[in-house]
PDB file of N, CA and C in Angstrom:
ATOM      1  N   MET A   1     115.565 116.771  72.345  1.00  0.00           N
ATOM      2  CA  MET A   1     114.337 117.184  72.121  1.00  0.00           C
ATOM      3  C   MET A   1     113.522 118.059  72.551  1.00  0.00           C
ATOM      4  N   ALA A   2     113.112 119.242  72.047  1.00  0.00           N
ATOM      5  CA  ALA A   2     112.412 120.574  72.780  1.00  0.00           C
ATOM      6  C   ALA A   2     111.212 120.711  72.353  1.00  0.00           C
ATOM      7  N   TYR A   3     110.606 121.496  73.243  1.00  0.00           N
ATOM      8  CA  TYR A   3     108.656 121.153  73.267  1.00  0.00           C
ATOM      9  C   TYR A   3     108.576 122.728  73.032  1.00  0.00           C
ATOM     10  N   GLY A   4     108.437 123.307  71.840  1.00  0.00           N
ATOM     11  CA  GLY A   4     108.201 124.988  71.658  1.00  0.00           C
ATOM     12  C   GLY A   4     109.131 125.381  72.814  1.00  0.00           C
ATOM     13  N   ASN A   5     109.183 126.278  73.424  1.00  0.00           N
ATOM     14  CA  ASN A   5     110.033 127.032  74.113  1.00  0.00           C
ATOM     15  C   ASN A   5     110.792 126.454  75.165  1.00  0.00           C
ATOM     16  N   TYR A   6     110.102 125.222  75.082  1.00  0.00           N
ATOM     17  CA  TYR A   6     110.751 124.493  76.575  1.00  0.00           C
ATOM     18  C   TYR A   6     111.436 123.321  76.219  1.00  0.00           C
ATOM     19  N   ALA A   7     112.361 123.148  77.105  1.00  0.00           N
ATOM     20  CA  ALA A   7     113.341 121.576  76.786  1.00  0.00           C
ATOM     21  C   ALA A   7     112.723 120.741  77.820  1.00  0.00           C
ATOM     22  N   TYR A   8     111.521 121.340  78.436  1.00  0.00           N
ATOM     23  CA  TYR A   8     111.120 119.538  78.954  1.00  0.00           C
ATOM     24  C   TYR A   8     109.542 119.916  78.997  1.00  0.00           C
ATOM     25  N   LEU A   9     108.721 119.142  78.868  1.00  0.00           N
ATOM     26  CA  LEU A   9     107.590 118.803  79.228  1.00  0.00           C
ATOM     27  C   LEU A   9     106.796 118.162  80.248  1.00  0.00           C
ATOM     28  N   PHE A  10     106.271 118.358  81.263  1.00  0.00           N
ATOM     29  CA  PHE A  10     106.375 117.084  82.158  1.00  0.00           C
ATOM     30  C   PHE A  10     104.437 117.206  82.177  1.00  0.00           C
ATOM     31  N   VAL A  11     104.131 115.443  82.663  1.00  0.00           N
ATOM     32  CA  VAL A  11     102.684 115.424  82.089  1.00  0.00           C
ATOM     33  C   VAL A  11     102.614 114.792  83.662  1.00  0.00           C
ATOM     34  N   ASP A  12     101.621 114.999  83.942  1.00  0.00           N
ATOM     35  CA  ASP A  12     101.260 114.318  85.234  1.00  0.00           C
ATOM     36  C   ASP A  12     100.184 112.902  85.152  1.00  0.00           C
ATOM     37  N   PHE A  13     100.698 111.950  84.849  1.00  0.00           N
ATOM     38  CA  PHE A  13      99.834 110.850  84.086  1.00  0.00           C
ATOM     39  C   PHE A  13      99.956 109.482  84.517  1.00  0.00           C
ATOM     40  N   PRO A  14      98.855 109.085  85.119  1.00  0.00           N
ATOM     41  CA  PRO A  14      99.245 107.454  85.598  1.00  0.00           C
ATOM     42  C   PRO A  14      99.887 106.563  84.188  1.00  0.00           C
ATOM     43  N   PHE A  15     100.509 105.510  85.204  1.00  0.00           N
ATOM     44  CA  PHE A  15     100.942 104.345  84.325  1.00  0.00           C
ATOM     45  C   PHE A  15     102.281 104.390  83.840  1.00  0.00           C
ATOM     46  N   GLY A  16     102.770 105.607  83.171  1.00  0.00           N
ATOM     47  CA  GLY A  16     104.306 105.812  82.924  1.00  0.00           C
ATOM     48  C   GLY A  16     104.453 105.199  81.633  1.00  0.00           C
ATOM     49  N   TYR A  17     105.657 104.510  81.548  1.00  0.00           N
ATOM     50  CA  TYR A  17     105.510 103.294  80.598  1.00  0.00           C
ATOM     51  C   TYR A  17     105.149 102.572  80.096  1.00  0.00           C
ATOM     52  N   LYS A  18     103.931 102.088  81.228  1.00  0.00           N
ATOM     53  CA  LYS A  18     103.308 100.941  81.381  1.00  0.00           C
ATOM     54  C   LYS A  18     101.929 101.092  80.653  1.00  0.00           C
ATOM     55  N   HIS A  19     102.037 102.368  80.260  1.00  0.00           N
ATOM     56  CA  HIS A  19     100.710 102.978  78.861  1.00  0.00           C
ATOM     57  C   HIS A  19     101.578 102.820  77.686  1.00  0.00           C
ATOM     58  N   LYS A  20     101.159 101.947  77.095  1.00  0.00           N
ATOM     59  CA  LYS A  20     101.532 101.300  75.380  1.00  0.00           C
ATOM     60  C   LYS A  20     101.148 102.489  74.635  1.00  0.00           C
ATOM     61  N   SER A  21     100.169 103.118  74.440  1.00  0.00           N
ATOM     62  CA  SER A  21     100.104 104.482  73.519  1.00  0.00           C
ATOM     63  C   SER A  21     101.003 105.360  73.523  1.00  0.00           C
ATOM     64  N   ILE A  22     101.557 105.500  74.593  1.00  0.00           N
ATOM     65  CA  ILE A  22     102.218 106.704  74.642  1.00  0.00           C
ATOM     66  C   ILE A  22     103.659 106.290  74.831  1.00  0.00           C
ATOM     67  N   LYS A  23     103.824 105.385  75.432  1.00  0.00           N
ATOM     68  CA  LYS A  23     105.168 104.843  75.876  1.00  0.00           C
ATOM     69  C   LYS A  23     106.630 104.734  74.841  1.00  0.00           C
ATOM     70  N   ALA A  24     106.093 105.336  73.484  1.00  0.00           N
ATOM     71  CA  ALA A  24     107.479 105.730  72.792  1.00  0.00           C
ATOM     72  C   ALA A  24     107.820 107.286  72.383  1.00  0.00           C
ATOM     73  N   ILE A  25     106.947 107.458  73.359  1.00  0.00           N
ATOM     74  CA  ILE A  25     107.038 109.729  73.141  1.00  0.00           C
ATOM     75  C   ILE A  25     107.559 109.777  74.687  1.00  0.00           C
ATOM     76  N   ILE A  26     107.486 108.907  75.505  1.00  0.00           N
ATOM     77  CA  ILE A  26     107.973 109.093  77.068  1.00  0.00           C
ATOM     78  C   ILE A  26     109.590 109.092  76.875  1.00  0.00           C
ATOM     79  N   ASP A  27     110.097 110.398  77.527  1.00  0.00           N
ATOM     80  CA  ASP A  27     111.736 109.967  77.754  1.00  0.00           C
ATOM     81  C   ASP A  27     112.194 109.787  79.302  1.00  0.00           C
ATOM     82  N   LYS A  28     111.017 109.941  79.924  1.00  0.00           N
ATOM     83  CA  LYS A  28     111.685 109.837  81.282  1.00  0.00           C
ATOM     84  C   LYS A  28     110.298 109.719  82.266  1.00  0.00           C
ATOM     85  N   VAL A  29     110.074 108.658  83.193  1.00  0.00           N
ATOM     86  CA  VAL A  29     109.260 108.612  84.083  1.00  0.00           C
ATOM     87  C   VAL A  29     110.033 109.128  85.700  1.00  0.00           C
ATOM     88  N   ILE A  30     109.103 109.819  86.083  1.00  0.00           N
ATOM     89  CA  ILE A  30     109.599 109.991  87.850  1.00  0.00           C
ATOM     90  C   ILE A  30     108.085 109.791  88.650  1.00  0.00           C
ATOM     91  N   TYR A  31     108.597 108.956  89.510  1.00  0.00           N
ATOM     92  CA  TYR A  31     107.722 108.595  90.422  1.00  0.00           C
ATOM     93  C   TYR A  31     107.704 109.222  91.723  1.00  0.00           C
ATOM     94  N   VAL A  32     106.476 110.344  92.460  1.00  0.00           N
ATOM     95  CA  VAL A  32     106.479 110.509  93.443  1.00  0.00           C
ATOM     96  C   VAL A  32     106.248 109.803  94.383  1.00  0.00           C
ATOM     97  N   LYS A  33     106.771 109.174  95.364  1.00  0.00           N
ATOM     98  CA  LYS A  33     106.462 108.156  96.435  1.00  0.00           C
ATOM     99  C   LYS A  33     106.182 108.838  97.720  1.00  0.00           C
ATOM    100  N   THR A  34     104.998 109.016  97.744  1.00  0.00           N
ATOM    101  CA  THR A  34     104.470 109.303  99.507  1.00  0.00           C
ATOM    102  C   THR A  34     103.773 108.233 100.020  1.00  0.00           C
ATOM    103  N   PRO A  35     104.127 108.686 100.888  1.00  0.00           N
ATOM    104  CA  PRO A  35     102.985 107.400 101.916  1.00  0.00           C
ATOM    105  C   PRO A  35     101.233 107.398 101.760  1.00  0.00           C
ATOM    106  N   LEU A  36     101.196 106.673 102.205  1.00  0.00           N
ATOM    107  CA  LEU A  36      99.600 106.774 101.607  1.00  0.00           C
ATOM    108  C   LEU A  36      99.143 107.285 102.928  1.00  0.00           C
ATOM    109  N   ASP A  37      99.479 107.151 104.476  1.00  0.00           N
ATOM    110  CA  ASP A  37      98.935 107.877 105.170  1.00  0.00           C
ATOM    111  C   ASP A  37      98.887 109.620 104.850  1.00  0.00           C
ATOM    112  N   ILE A  38     100.198 110.223 104.615  1.00  0.00           N
ATOM    113  CA  ILE A  38     100.574 111.102 104.441  1.00  0.00           C
ATOM    114  C   ILE A  38      99.239 111.884 102.893  1.00  0.00           C
ATOM    115  N   CYS A  39      99.066 111.093 101.862  1.00  0.00           N
ATOM    116  CA  CYS A  39      98.262 111.171 100.607  1.00  0.00           C
ATOM    117  C   CYS A  39      96.749 111.343 100.885  1.00  0.00           C
ATOM    118  N   PHE A  40      96.390 110.276 101.897  1.00  0.00           N
ATOM    119  CA  PHE A  40      95.254 110.673 102.796  1.00  0.00           C
ATOM    120  C   PHE A  40      95.067 111.660 103.758  1.00  0.00           C
ATOM    121  N   ALA A  41      96.069 112.192 104.340  1.00  0.00           N
ATOM    122  CA  ALA A  41      95.807 113.139 105.259  1.00  0.00           C
ATOM    123  C   ALA A  41      95.965 114.606 104.341  1.00  0.00           C
ATOM    124  N   ARG A  42      96.533 114.656 103.062  1.00  0.00           N
ATOM    125  CA  ARG A  42      96.224 115.908 102.277  1.00  0.00           C
ATOM    126  C   ARG A  42      94.901 115.835 101.560  1.00  0.00           C
ATOM    127  N   ARG A  43      94.386 114.539 101.314  1.00  0.00           N
ATOM    128  CA  ARG A  43      93.107 114.580 100.804  1.00  0.00           C
ATOM    129  C   ARG A  43      91.993 114.600 101.353  1.00  0.00           C
ATOM    130  N   LEU A  44      92.659 114.324 102.911  1.00  0.00           N
ATOM    131  CA  LEU A  44      90.960 115.114 103.661  1.00  0.00           C
ATOM    132  C   LEU A  44      91.161 116.806 104.047  1.00  0.00           C
ATOM    133  N   LEU A  45      92.413 117.107 103.909  1.00  0.00           N
ATOM    134  CA  LEU A  45      92.501 118.420 104.019  1.00  0.00           C
ATOM    135  C   LEU A  45      91.770 119.422 102.386  1.00  0.00           C
ATOM    136  N   ARG A  46      92.319 118.968 101.262  1.00  0.00           N
ATOM    137  CA  ARG A  46      91.955 119.360 100.710  1.00  0.00           C
ATOM    138  C   ARG A  46      90.633 118.994  99.935  1.00  0.00           C
ATOM    139  N   ASP A  47      89.905 117.810 100.264  1.00  0.00           N
ATOM    140  CA  ASP A  47      88.787 117.807  99.509  1.00  0.00           C
ATOM    141  C   ASP A  47      87.669 117.723 100.334  1.00  0.00           C
ATOM    142  N   PHE A  48      87.663 117.592 101.847  1.00  0.00           N
ATOM    143  CA  PHE A  48      86.702 117.134 102.783  1.00  0.00           C
ATOM    144  C   PHE A  48      86.689 118.196 103.546  1.00  0.00           C
ATOM    145  N   LYS A  49      87.318 119.916 103.548  1.00  0.00           N
ATOM    146  CA  LYS A  49      87.587 120.450 104.659  1.00  0.00           C
ATOM    147  C   LYS A  49      86.075 121.184 105.311  1.00  0.00           C
ATOM    148  N   ASP A  50      85.067 121.288 103.843  1.00  0.00           N
ATOM    149  CA  ASP A  50      83.898 121.442 104.008  1.00  0.00           C
ATOM    150  C   ASP A  50      82.808 120.447 104.010  1.00  0.00           C
ATOM    151  N   GLU A  51      83.075 119.470 104.508  1.00  0.00           N
ATOM    152  CA  GLU A  51      82.212 118.088 104.736  1.00  0.00           C
ATOM    153  C   GLU A  51      81.887 118.103 105.983  1.00  0.00           C
ATOM    154  N   THR A  52      80.804 117.058 106.054  1.00  0.00           N
ATOM    155  CA  THR A  52      80.281 116.035 107.464  1.00  0.00           C
ATOM    156  C   THR A  52      81.097 115.258 108.394  1.00  0.00           C
ATOM    157  N   SER A  53      81.361 115.175 109.135  1.00  0.00           N
ATOM    158  CA  SER A  53      82.023 113.855 109.709  1.00  0.00           C
ATOM    159  C   SER A  53      81.246 112.548 109.732  1.00  0.00           C
ATOM    160  N   SER A  54      80.049 112.575 109.287  1.00  0.00           N
ATOM    161  CA  SER A  54      79.534 111.504 108.423  1.00  0.00           C
ATOM    162  C   SER A  54      80.248 111.204 106.904  1.00  0.00           C
ATOM    163  N   SER A  55      80.319 112.483 106.644  1.00  0.00           N
ATOM    164  CA  SER A  55      80.808 111.867 104.782  1.00  0.00           C
ATOM    165  C   SER A  55      82.415 111.687 105.237  1.00  0.00           C
ATOM    166  N   ILE A  56      83.415 112.403 105.922  1.00  0.00           N
ATOM    167  CA  ILE A  56      84.481 111.871 106.258  1.00  0.00           C
ATOM    168  C   ILE A  56      84.901 110.720 106.520  1.00  0.00           C
ATOM    169  N   LYS A  57      83.468 109.805 107.316  1.00  0.00           N
ATOM    170  CA  LYS A  57      83.791 108.517 107.859  1.00  0.00           C
ATOM    171  C   LYS A  57      83.400 108.054 106.781  1.00  0.00           C
ATOM    172  N   SER A  58      82.607 107.882 105.938  1.00  0.00           N
ATOM    173  CA  SER A  58      82.157 107.091 104.952  1.00  0.00           C
ATOM    174  C   SER A  58      83.449 107.328 103.845  1.00  0.00           C
ATOM    175  N   MET A  59      83.791 108.109 103.636  1.00  0.00           N
ATOM    176  CA  MET A  59      84.951 107.993 102.819  1.00  0.00           C
ATOM    177  C   MET A  59      85.978 107.359 103.253  1.00  0.00           C
ATOM    178  N   THR A  60      86.387 107.506 104.501  1.00  0.00           N
ATOM    179  CA  THR A  60      87.695 106.857 105.496  1.00  0.00           C
ATOM    180  C   THR A  60      87.159 105.247 105.245  1.00  0.00           C
ATOM    181  N   GLU A  61      86.146 104.710 105.645  1.00  0.00           N
ATOM    182  CA  GLU A  61      85.780 103.487 105.749  1.00  0.00           C
ATOM    183  C   GLU A  61      85.558 102.820 103.953  1.00  0.00           C
ATOM    184  N   HIS A  62      85.897 103.723 102.862  1.00  0.00           N
ATOM    185  CA  HIS A  62      85.647 103.247 101.615  1.00  0.00           C
ATOM    186  C   HIS A  62      87.086 103.212 101.072  1.00  0.00           C
ATOM    187  N   TYR A  63      88.012 103.838 101.486  1.00  0.00           N
ATOM    188  CA  TYR A  63      89.458 103.989 101.477  1.00  0.00           C
ATOM    189  C   TYR A  63      90.051 103.173 102.040  1.00  0.00           C
ATOM    190  N   LEU A  64      89.834 102.656 103.322  1.00  0.00           N
ATOM    191  CA  LEU A  64      90.279 101.621 104.051  1.00  0.00           C
ATOM    192  C   LEU A  64      90.001  99.898 103.667  1.00  0.00           C
ATOM    193  N   ASN A  65      88.702 100.197 102.860  1.00  0.00           N
ATOM    194  CA  ASN A  65      87.809  98.843 102.491  1.00  0.00           C
ATOM    195  C   ASN A  65      88.174  98.089 101.189  1.00  0.00           C
ATOM    196  N   PHE A  66      88.464  99.370 100.481  1.00  0.00           N
ATOM    197  CA  PHE A  66      88.732  99.128  99.041  1.00  0.00           C
ATOM    198  C   PHE A  66      89.810 100.489  98.171  1.00  0.00           C
ATOM    199  N   GLY A  67      89.656 101.473  98.568  1.00  0.00           N
ATOM    200  CA  GLY A  67      90.416 102.294  97.499  1.00  0.00           C
ATOM    201  C   GLY A  67      92.205 102.197  98.388  1.00  0.00           C
ATOM    202  N   ARG A  68      92.808 101.923  99.628  1.00  0.00           N
ATOM    203  CA  ARG A  68      93.933 101.594  99.764  1.00  0.00           C
ATOM    204  C   ARG A  68      94.520 100.421  99.265  1.00  0.00           C
ATOM    205  N   SER A  69      94.019  99.310  99.148  1.00  0.00           N
ATOM    206  CA  SER A  69      94.914  98.212  98.368  1.00  0.00           C
ATOM    207  C   SER A  69      94.847  98.697  96.796  1.00  0.00           C
ATOM    208  N   ILE A  70      94.043  99.224  96.383  1.00  0.00           N
ATOM    209  CA  ILE A  70      94.030  99.503  95.027  1.00  0.00           C
ATOM    210  C   ILE A  70      95.665 100.205  94.611  1.00  0.00           C
ATOM    211  N   PHE A  71      95.415 101.707  95.854  1.00  0.00           N
ATOM    212  CA  PHE A  71      96.608 102.059  95.915  1.00  0.00           C
ATOM    213  C   PHE A  71      97.842 101.426  95.776  1.00  0.00           C
ATOM    214  N   ILE A  72      98.011 100.823  96.982  1.00  0.00           N
ATOM    215  CA  ILE A  72      99.224  99.719  96.865  1.00  0.00           C
ATOM    216  C   ILE A  72      99.355  98.699  95.650  1.00  0.00           C
ATOM    217  N   ASP A  73      98.581  98.250  94.944  1.00  0.00           N
ATOM    218  CA  ASP A  73      98.642  97.841  93.748  1.00  0.00           C
ATOM    219  C   ASP A  73      99.520  98.495  92.674  1.00  0.00           C
ATOM    220  N   TYR A  74      98.629  99.940  92.193  1.00  0.00           N
ATOM    221  CA  TYR A  74      99.138 100.653  91.702  1.00  0.00           C
ATOM    222  C   TYR A  74     100.803 100.508  91.956  1.00  0.00           C
ATOM    223  N   GLU A  75     100.857 101.086  92.843  1.00  0.00           N
ATOM    224  CA  GLU A  75     102.651 101.587  93.027  1.00  0.00           C
ATOM    225  C   GLU A  75     103.305 100.323  92.745  1.00  0.00           C
ATOM    226  N   ASN A  76     102.895  99.482  93.080  1.00  0.00           N
ATOM    227  CA  ASN A  76     103.457  98.036  93.373  1.00  0.00           C
ATOM    228  C   ASN A  76     104.006  97.526  91.364  1.00  0.00           C
ATOM    229  N   PHE A  77     102.784  98.511  90.942  1.00  0.00           N
ATOM    230  CA  PHE A  77     103.100  98.126  89.319  1.00  0.00           C
ATOM    231  C   PHE A  77     103.507  99.194  88.676  1.00  0.00           C
ATOM    232  N   VAL A  78     103.442 100.222  88.555  1.00  0.00           N
ATOM    233  CA  VAL A  78     104.018 101.177  88.033  1.00  0.00           C
ATOM    234  C   VAL A  78     105.487 101.669  88.618  1.00  0.00           C
ATOM    235  N   ILE A  79     105.785 101.088  89.521  1.00  0.00           N
ATOM    236  CA  ILE A  79     107.330 101.437  90.188  1.00  0.00           C
ATOM    237  C   ILE A  79     108.206 100.978  89.412  1.00  0.00           C
ATOM    238  N   GLN A  80     107.840  99.352  88.882  1.00  0.00           N
ATOM    239  CA  GLN A  80     108.692  98.746  88.197  1.00  0.00           C
ATOM    240  C   GLN A  80     109.592  98.964  87.046  1.00  0.00           C
ATOM    241  N   GLU A  81     108.815  99.840  86.490  1.00  0.00           N
ATOM    242  CA  GLU A  81     109.592 101.013  85.463  1.00  0.00           C
ATOM    243  C   GLU A  81     109.188 102.418  85.385  1.00  0.00           C
ATOM    244  N   VAL A  82     109.983 102.963  86.117  1.00  0.00           N
ATOM    245  CA  VAL A  82     110.328 104.014  86.426  1.00  0.00           C
ATOM    246  C   VAL A  82     112.244 104.578  86.396  1.00  0.00           C
ATOM    247  N   ASP A  83     112.194 105.799  85.795  1.00  0.00           N
ATOM    248  CA  ASP A  83     113.413 106.151  86.043  1.00  0.00           C
ATOM    249  C   ASP A  83     114.372 106.978  86.944  1.00  0.00           C
ATOM    250  N   LEU A  84     113.155 107.293  87.955  1.00  0.00           N
ATOM    251  CA  LEU A  84     113.689 108.116  88.953  1.00  0.00           C
ATOM    252  C   LEU A  84     112.694 108.582  89.911  1.00  0.00           C
ATOM    253  N   ILE A  85     113.104 107.827  91.342  1.00  0.00           N
ATOM    254  CA  ILE A  85     111.893 108.008  92.588  1.00  0.00           C
ATOM    255  C   ILE A  85     112.335 109.222  93.403  1.00  0.00           C
ATOM    256  N   VAL A  86     111.040 110.209  93.464  1.00  0.00           N
ATOM    257  CA  VAL A  86     111.538 111.138  94.533  1.00  0.00           C
ATOM    258  C   VAL A  86     110.290 111.146  95.886  1.00  0.00           C
ATOM    259  N   ASP A  87     111.200 111.553  96.909  1.00  0.00           N
ATOM    260  CA  ASP A  87     110.448 111.214  98.304  1.00  0.00           C
ATOM    261  C   ASP A  87     109.034 112.766  98.089  1.00  0.00           C
ATOM    262  N   GLY A  88     108.001 112.060  98.397  1.00  0.00           N
ATOM    263  CA  GLY A  88     106.920 112.905  98.252  1.00  0.00           C
ATOM    264  C   GLY A  88     106.827 113.570  99.619  1.00  0.00           C
ATOM    265  N   THR A  89     107.623 113.025 100.417  1.00  0.00           N
ATOM    266  CA  THR A  89     107.772 113.983 101.822  1.00  0.00           C
ATOM    267  C   THR A  89     108.708 115.047 101.720  1.00  0.00           C
ATOM    268  N   LEU A  90     109.186 115.509 100.928  1.00  0.00           N
ATOM    269  CA  LEU A  90     110.095 116.411 101.085  1.00  0.00           C
ATOM    270  C   LEU A  90     109.247 117.745 100.036  1.00  0.00           C
ATOM    271  N   ALA A  91     110.516 118.896 100.550  1.00  0.00           N
ATOM    272  CA  ALA A  91     109.737 120.167 100.104  1.00  0.00           C
ATOM    273  C   ALA A  91     109.482 119.678  98.505  1.00  0.00           C
ATOM    274  N   ILE A  92     108.698 121.025  97.654  1.00  0.00           N
ATOM    275  CA  ILE A  92     108.461 120.498  96.460  1.00  0.00           C
ATOM    276  C   ILE A  92     110.403 120.990  95.622  1.00  0.00           C
ATOM    277  N   ASN A  93     110.741 122.247  96.316  1.00  0.00           N
ATOM    278  CA  ASN A  93     111.532 122.788  95.817  1.00  0.00           C
ATOM    279  C   ASN A  93     112.874 121.581  95.977  1.00  0.00           C
ATOM    280  N   THR A  94     113.054 121.136  96.893  1.00  0.00           N
ATOM    281  CA  THR A  94     113.680 120.120  97.203  1.00  0.00           C
ATOM    282  C   THR A  94     113.450 118.930  95.839  1.00  0.00           C
ATOM    283  N   ASN A  95     112.486 118.531  95.591  1.00  0.00           N
ATOM    284  CA  ASN A  95     112.070 117.571  94.698  1.00  0.00           C
ATOM    285  C   ASN A  95     112.826 118.186  93.758  1.00  0.00           C
ATOM    286  N   ILE A  96     111.868 119.380  93.056  1.00  0.00           N
ATOM    287  CA  ILE A  96     112.613 119.942  91.487  1.00  0.00           C
ATOM    288  C   ILE A  96     114.413 119.888  91.612  1.00  0.00           C
ATOM    289  N   GLU A  97     114.819 120.022  92.587  1.00  0.00           N
ATOM    290  CA  GLU A  97     116.264 119.877  92.203  1.00  0.00           C
ATOM    291  C   GLU A  97     116.935 118.667  91.981  1.00  0.00           C
ATOM    292  N   ILE A  98     116.463 117.460  92.799  1.00  0.00           N
ATOM    293  CA  ILE A  98     116.742 116.653  92.692  1.00  0.00           C
ATOM    294  C   ILE A  98     115.937 115.890  91.334  1.00  0.00           C
ATOM    295  N   ILE A  99     115.246 116.545  90.809  1.00  0.00           N
ATOM    296  CA  ILE A  99     114.829 115.958  89.360  1.00  0.00           C
ATOM    297  C   ILE A  99     115.469 116.895  88.358  1.00  0.00           C
ATOM    298  N   LYS A 100     115.577 118.235  88.306  1.00  0.00           N
ATOM    299  CA  LYS A 100     117.398 118.477  87.730  1.00  0.00           C
ATOM    300  C   LYS A 100     117.788 118.508  87.504  1.00  0.00           C
ATOM    301  N   ASN A 101     118.831 117.718  88.222  1.00  0.00           N
ATOM    302  CA  ASN A 101     119.949 117.327  88.612  1.00  0.00           C
ATOM    303  C   ASN A 101     120.044 115.887  87.751  1.00  0.00           C
ATOM    304  N   ASN A 102     118.893 115.048  87.837  1.00  0.00           N
ATOM    305  CA  ASN A 102     119.012 113.638  87.001  1.00  0.00           C
ATOM    306  C   ASN A 102     118.397 114.106  85.858  1.00  0.00           C
ATOM    307  N   LEU A 103     118.251 115.124  84.734  1.00  0.00           N
ATOM    308  CA  LEU A 103     117.521 115.468  83.846  1.00  0.00           C
ATOM    309  C   LEU A 103     118.716 115.955  83.275  1.00  0.00           C
ATOM    310  N   LEU A 104     119.727 116.206  83.231  1.00  0.00           N
ATOM    311  CA  LEU A 104     120.758 117.005  83.031  1.00  0.00           C
ATOM    312  C   LEU A 104     121.753 115.664  82.576  1.00  0.00           C
TER     313      LEU A 104
END
């Protein structure tokens, strides 16, 4: 099935096949598995570059006390029904090639 001028349509959307209202129109679910320490560091660099140390400390405490377990539960829930898992520590171009090779 083609989508307009494109053979593929990629959507960054949580839950994949677990989301019942769109499950029927999903052809493939690709999960980018990235260690939580890398996710955390990327978020710090992206969202907290201009924040105070107090703000960063507060967010870190919230993540350790509350958020981390939610991310772990989410991954365990979603990863049960995926078609492909790619390594989030690899270069983007490497993952693009892996995805292209698995879509053909």
